[in-house]
């Protein structure tokens, strides 16, 4: 049996700008993807079929968000995080 103590994981407190932007981009992608999924699910459950099997719905299918939508959300999130004008309590 070894007398060595288990090593703790290395904790990195300071992240560089690229790491922060990468995390913000991932969060924005997840946010936009979840928003689309919820809208798509809402569209799916509101659909009905007529006698010929055609889907009839009163809700329009949501437009799939592209890279521009993700980058727009990421920029808003990054600006919020990096803003120095946020009121401190």
N, C-alpha and C. Protein backbone atom coordinates (compact mmCIF):
# COMPACT_ATOMS: atom_id res chain seq x y z
N UNK A 1 0.84 -1.18 0.00
CA UNK A 1 0.00 0.00 0.00
C UNK A 1 0.89 1.24 0.00
N UNK A 2 0.54 2.20 -0.78
CA UNK A 2 1.33 3.41 -0.92
C UNK A 2 0.91 4.44 0.12
N UNK A 3 1.89 5.20 0.63
CA UNK A 3 1.60 6.24 1.61
C UNK A 3 1.37 7.60 0.95
N UNK A 4 1.34 7.62 -0.37
CA UNK A 4 1.13 8.88 -1.08
C UNK A 4 -0.32 9.32 -0.98
N UNK A 5 -0.52 10.58 -0.75
CA UNK A 5 -1.86 11.14 -0.74
C UNK A 5 -2.32 11.37 -2.16
N UNK A 6 -3.61 11.23 -2.42
CA UNK A 6 -4.09 11.51 -3.78
C UNK A 6 -3.86 12.98 -4.12
N UNK A 7 -3.53 13.21 -5.37
CA UNK A 7 -3.27 14.58 -5.82
C UNK A 7 -4.59 15.26 -6.17
N UNK A 8 -4.68 16.50 -5.77
CA UNK A 8 -5.86 17.30 -6.10
C UNK A 8 -5.76 17.78 -7.53
N UNK A 9 -6.90 17.97 -8.17
CA UNK A 9 -6.85 18.50 -9.54
C UNK A 9 -6.28 19.91 -9.55
N UNK A 10 -5.60 20.22 -10.62
CA UNK A 10 -5.02 21.54 -10.76
C UNK A 10 -6.14 22.55 -11.01
N UNK A 11 -6.14 23.61 -10.25
CA UNK A 11 -7.15 24.66 -10.38
C UNK A 11 -6.50 25.86 -11.05
N UNK A 12 -7.12 26.30 -12.11
CA UNK A 12 -6.59 27.44 -12.85
C UNK A 12 -7.55 28.61 -12.64
N UNK A 13 -7.12 29.61 -11.90
CA UNK A 13 -7.98 30.73 -11.56
C UNK A 13 -8.02 31.79 -12.65
N UNK A 14 -6.92 32.03 -13.29
CA UNK A 14 -6.85 33.09 -14.29
C UNK A 14 -7.00 32.48 -15.68
N UNK A 15 -7.98 32.95 -16.40
CA UNK A 15 -8.19 32.49 -17.77
C UNK A 15 -7.83 33.62 -18.71
N UNK A 16 -7.30 33.23 -19.85
CA UNK A 16 -6.99 34.28 -20.82
C UNK A 16 -8.25 34.63 -21.62
N UNK A 17 -8.16 35.65 -22.41
CA UNK A 17 -9.31 36.13 -23.17
C UNK A 17 -9.89 35.11 -24.12
N UNK A 18 -9.03 34.30 -24.73
CA UNK A 18 -9.51 33.28 -25.66
C UNK A 18 -10.34 32.23 -24.95
N UNK A 19 -9.90 31.82 -23.76
CA UNK A 19 -10.64 30.83 -22.99
C UNK A 19 -12.01 31.38 -22.57
N UNK A 20 -12.03 32.61 -22.14
CA UNK A 20 -13.28 33.23 -21.72
C UNK A 20 -14.24 33.35 -22.91
N UNK A 21 -13.74 33.83 -24.04
CA UNK A 21 -14.59 33.97 -25.22
C UNK A 21 -15.09 32.62 -25.71
N UNK A 22 -14.26 31.58 -25.61
CA UNK A 22 -14.67 30.24 -26.02
C UNK A 22 -15.81 29.74 -25.13
N UNK A 23 -15.71 29.98 -23.84
CA UNK A 23 -16.78 29.57 -22.93
C UNK A 23 -18.06 30.35 -23.18
N UNK A 24 -17.93 31.64 -23.43
CA UNK A 24 -19.10 32.47 -23.70
C UNK A 24 -19.75 32.02 -25.01
N UNK A 25 -18.96 31.71 -26.01
CA UNK A 25 -19.50 31.23 -27.29
C UNK A 25 -20.24 29.91 -27.09
N UNK A 26 -19.69 29.01 -26.29
CA UNK A 26 -20.36 27.73 -26.01
C UNK A 26 -21.69 27.96 -25.28
N UNK A 27 -21.69 28.89 -24.33
CA UNK A 27 -22.93 29.19 -23.61
C UNK A 27 -23.97 29.79 -24.56
N UNK A 28 -23.54 30.66 -25.45
CA UNK A 28 -24.46 31.28 -26.41
C UNK A 28 -25.03 30.23 -27.35
N UNK A 29 -24.18 29.32 -27.81
CA UNK A 29 -24.64 28.25 -28.70
C UNK A 29 -25.68 27.39 -28.00
N UNK A 30 -25.41 27.03 -26.76
CA UNK A 30 -26.36 26.22 -26.00
C UNK A 30 -27.68 26.96 -25.78
N UNK A 31 -27.60 28.25 -25.47
CA UNK A 31 -28.80 29.06 -25.26
C UNK A 31 -29.65 29.11 -26.52
N UNK A 32 -29.03 29.41 -27.65
CA UNK A 32 -29.76 29.52 -28.91
C UNK A 32 -30.31 28.16 -29.33
N UNK A 33 -29.53 27.11 -29.14
CA UNK A 33 -29.98 25.76 -29.49
C UNK A 33 -31.17 25.34 -28.63
N UNK A 34 -31.12 25.63 -27.33
CA UNK A 34 -32.24 25.30 -26.45
C UNK A 34 -33.49 26.09 -26.81
N UNK A 35 -33.30 27.37 -27.14
CA UNK A 35 -34.44 28.20 -27.54
C UNK A 35 -35.10 27.63 -28.79
N UNK A 36 -34.29 27.24 -29.77
CA UNK A 36 -34.83 26.67 -31.00
C UNK A 36 -35.55 25.35 -30.71
N UNK A 37 -34.94 24.51 -29.87
CA UNK A 37 -35.55 23.22 -29.55
C UNK A 37 -36.92 23.38 -28.90
N UNK A 38 -37.02 24.34 -27.99
CA UNK A 38 -38.30 24.58 -27.34
C UNK A 38 -39.35 25.09 -28.34
N UNK A 39 -38.95 26.00 -29.20
CA UNK A 39 -39.88 26.51 -30.21
C UNK A 39 -40.30 25.40 -31.17
N UNK A 40 -39.34 24.57 -31.56
CA UNK A 40 -39.64 23.47 -32.48
C UNK A 40 -40.60 22.49 -31.81
N UNK A 41 -40.36 22.18 -30.53
CA UNK A 41 -41.24 21.28 -29.81
C UNK A 41 -42.65 21.86 -29.73
N UNK A 42 -42.75 23.15 -29.48
CA UNK A 42 -44.06 23.80 -29.46
C UNK A 42 -44.75 23.71 -30.80
N UNK A 43 -44.00 23.87 -31.87
CA UNK A 43 -44.56 23.75 -33.21
C UNK A 43 -45.02 22.33 -33.45
N UNK A 44 -44.22 21.36 -33.02
CA UNK A 44 -44.53 19.95 -33.22
C UNK A 44 -45.83 19.54 -32.53
N UNK A 45 -46.02 19.98 -31.30
CA UNK A 45 -47.19 19.53 -30.55
C UNK A 45 -48.47 20.26 -30.94
N UNK A 46 -48.37 21.36 -31.67
CA UNK A 46 -49.57 22.07 -32.08
C UNK A 46 -50.08 21.57 -33.43
N UNK A 47 -49.31 20.75 -34.09
CA UNK A 47 -49.72 20.27 -35.41
C UNK A 47 -50.79 19.20 -35.32
N UNK A 48 -51.72 19.25 -36.25
CA UNK A 48 -52.76 18.24 -36.38
C UNK A 48 -52.77 17.76 -37.81
N UNK A 49 -53.29 16.57 -38.02
CA UNK A 49 -53.39 16.03 -39.38
C UNK A 49 -54.83 16.06 -39.84
N UNK A 50 -55.01 16.40 -41.11
CA UNK A 50 -56.35 16.36 -41.67
C UNK A 50 -56.64 14.94 -42.17
N UNK A 51 -57.76 14.76 -42.84
CA UNK A 51 -58.16 13.42 -43.27
C UNK A 51 -57.20 12.80 -44.28
N UNK A 52 -56.44 13.63 -44.99
CA UNK A 52 -55.49 13.11 -45.98
C UNK A 52 -54.09 12.89 -45.38
N UNK A 53 -53.93 13.20 -44.10
CA UNK A 53 -52.64 12.99 -43.45
C UNK A 53 -51.70 14.19 -43.51
N UNK A 54 -52.16 15.29 -44.10
CA UNK A 54 -51.35 16.50 -44.17
C UNK A 54 -51.37 17.21 -42.82
N UNK A 55 -50.21 17.75 -42.42
CA UNK A 55 -50.13 18.47 -41.15
C UNK A 55 -50.73 19.86 -41.30
N UNK A 56 -51.62 20.19 -40.37
CA UNK A 56 -52.24 21.51 -40.32
C UNK A 56 -51.81 22.14 -39.00
N UNK A 57 -51.24 23.32 -39.06
CA UNK A 57 -50.81 24.00 -37.84
C UNK A 57 -51.05 25.49 -37.98
N UNK A 58 -51.30 26.12 -36.86
CA UNK A 58 -51.49 27.56 -36.85
C UNK A 58 -50.22 28.27 -36.42
N UNK A 59 -49.24 27.50 -35.97
CA UNK A 59 -47.97 28.04 -35.51
C UNK A 59 -46.93 27.78 -36.59
N UNK A 60 -46.18 28.82 -36.97
CA UNK A 60 -45.15 28.67 -37.99
C UNK A 60 -43.93 27.94 -37.42
N UNK A 61 -43.34 27.09 -38.23
CA UNK A 61 -42.13 26.40 -37.81
C UNK A 61 -41.04 27.44 -37.58
N UNK A 62 -40.30 27.34 -36.46
CA UNK A 62 -39.26 28.34 -36.21
C UNK A 62 -38.11 28.22 -37.21
N UNK A 63 -37.52 29.34 -37.50
CA UNK A 63 -36.37 29.36 -38.41
C UNK A 63 -35.15 28.86 -37.64
N UNK A 64 -34.39 27.96 -38.26
CA UNK A 64 -33.21 27.42 -37.60
C UNK A 64 -32.17 28.53 -37.44
N UNK A 65 -31.67 28.73 -36.22
CA UNK A 65 -30.69 29.80 -36.00
C UNK A 65 -29.34 29.42 -36.58
N UNK A 66 -28.74 30.33 -37.28
CA UNK A 66 -27.44 30.07 -37.86
C UNK A 66 -26.33 30.66 -37.01
N UNK A 67 -25.15 30.69 -37.56
CA UNK A 67 -23.97 31.19 -36.88
C UNK A 67 -24.13 32.65 -36.47
N UNK A 68 -24.78 33.45 -37.31
CA UNK A 68 -24.97 34.87 -36.99
C UNK A 68 -25.75 35.05 -35.69
N UNK A 69 -26.78 34.24 -35.50
CA UNK A 69 -27.59 34.33 -34.27
C UNK A 69 -26.75 33.94 -33.05
N UNK A 70 -25.93 32.91 -33.17
CA UNK A 70 -25.07 32.47 -32.07
C UNK A 70 -24.04 33.54 -31.75
N UNK A 71 -23.40 34.09 -32.77
CA UNK A 71 -22.39 35.12 -32.55
C UNK A 71 -23.00 36.39 -31.95
N UNK A 72 -24.21 36.72 -32.37
CA UNK A 72 -24.89 37.89 -31.81
C UNK A 72 -25.16 37.69 -30.31
N UNK A 73 -25.64 36.50 -29.95
CA UNK A 73 -25.90 36.21 -28.54
C UNK A 73 -24.59 36.19 -27.75
N UNK A 74 -23.55 35.61 -28.33
CA UNK A 74 -22.25 35.55 -27.65
C UNK A 74 -21.69 36.95 -27.42
N UNK A 75 -21.84 37.81 -28.41
CA UNK A 75 -21.33 39.19 -28.27
C UNK A 75 -22.08 39.92 -27.16
N UNK A 76 -23.39 39.74 -27.10
CA UNK A 76 -24.18 40.38 -26.04
C UNK A 76 -23.74 39.86 -24.67
N UNK A 77 -23.54 38.55 -24.58
CA UNK A 77 -23.13 37.96 -23.30
C UNK A 77 -21.74 38.43 -22.91
N UNK A 78 -20.82 38.45 -23.87
CA UNK A 78 -19.45 38.87 -23.59
C UNK A 78 -19.41 40.34 -23.17
N UNK A 79 -20.19 41.18 -23.86
CA UNK A 79 -20.24 42.60 -23.51
C UNK A 79 -20.79 42.79 -22.10
N UNK A 80 -21.77 41.99 -21.72
CA UNK A 80 -22.32 42.08 -20.39
C UNK A 80 -21.26 41.70 -19.35
N UNK A 81 -20.55 40.61 -19.60
CA UNK A 81 -19.54 40.13 -18.66
C UNK A 81 -18.37 41.10 -18.55
N UNK A 82 -17.94 41.65 -19.66
CA UNK A 82 -16.75 42.51 -19.66
C UNK A 82 -17.08 43.98 -19.37
N UNK A 83 -18.35 44.30 -19.22
CA UNK A 83 -18.75 45.68 -18.97
C UNK A 83 -18.31 46.15 -17.60
N UNK A 84 -17.71 47.33 -17.56
CA UNK A 84 -17.30 47.90 -16.27
C UNK A 84 -18.37 48.83 -15.73
N UNK A 85 -19.42 49.05 -16.50
CA UNK A 85 -20.48 49.97 -16.07
C UNK A 85 -21.59 49.25 -15.31
N UNK A 86 -21.40 47.96 -15.02
CA UNK A 86 -22.39 47.22 -14.26
C UNK A 86 -22.43 47.77 -12.84
N UNK A 87 -23.59 48.11 -12.38
CA UNK A 87 -23.72 48.70 -11.03
C UNK A 87 -23.33 47.69 -9.98
N UNK A 88 -22.48 48.13 -9.06
CA UNK A 88 -22.06 47.27 -7.96
C UNK A 88 -22.92 47.56 -6.74
N UNK A 89 -23.27 46.50 -6.06
CA UNK A 89 -24.09 46.65 -4.85
C UNK A 89 -23.25 46.88 -3.64
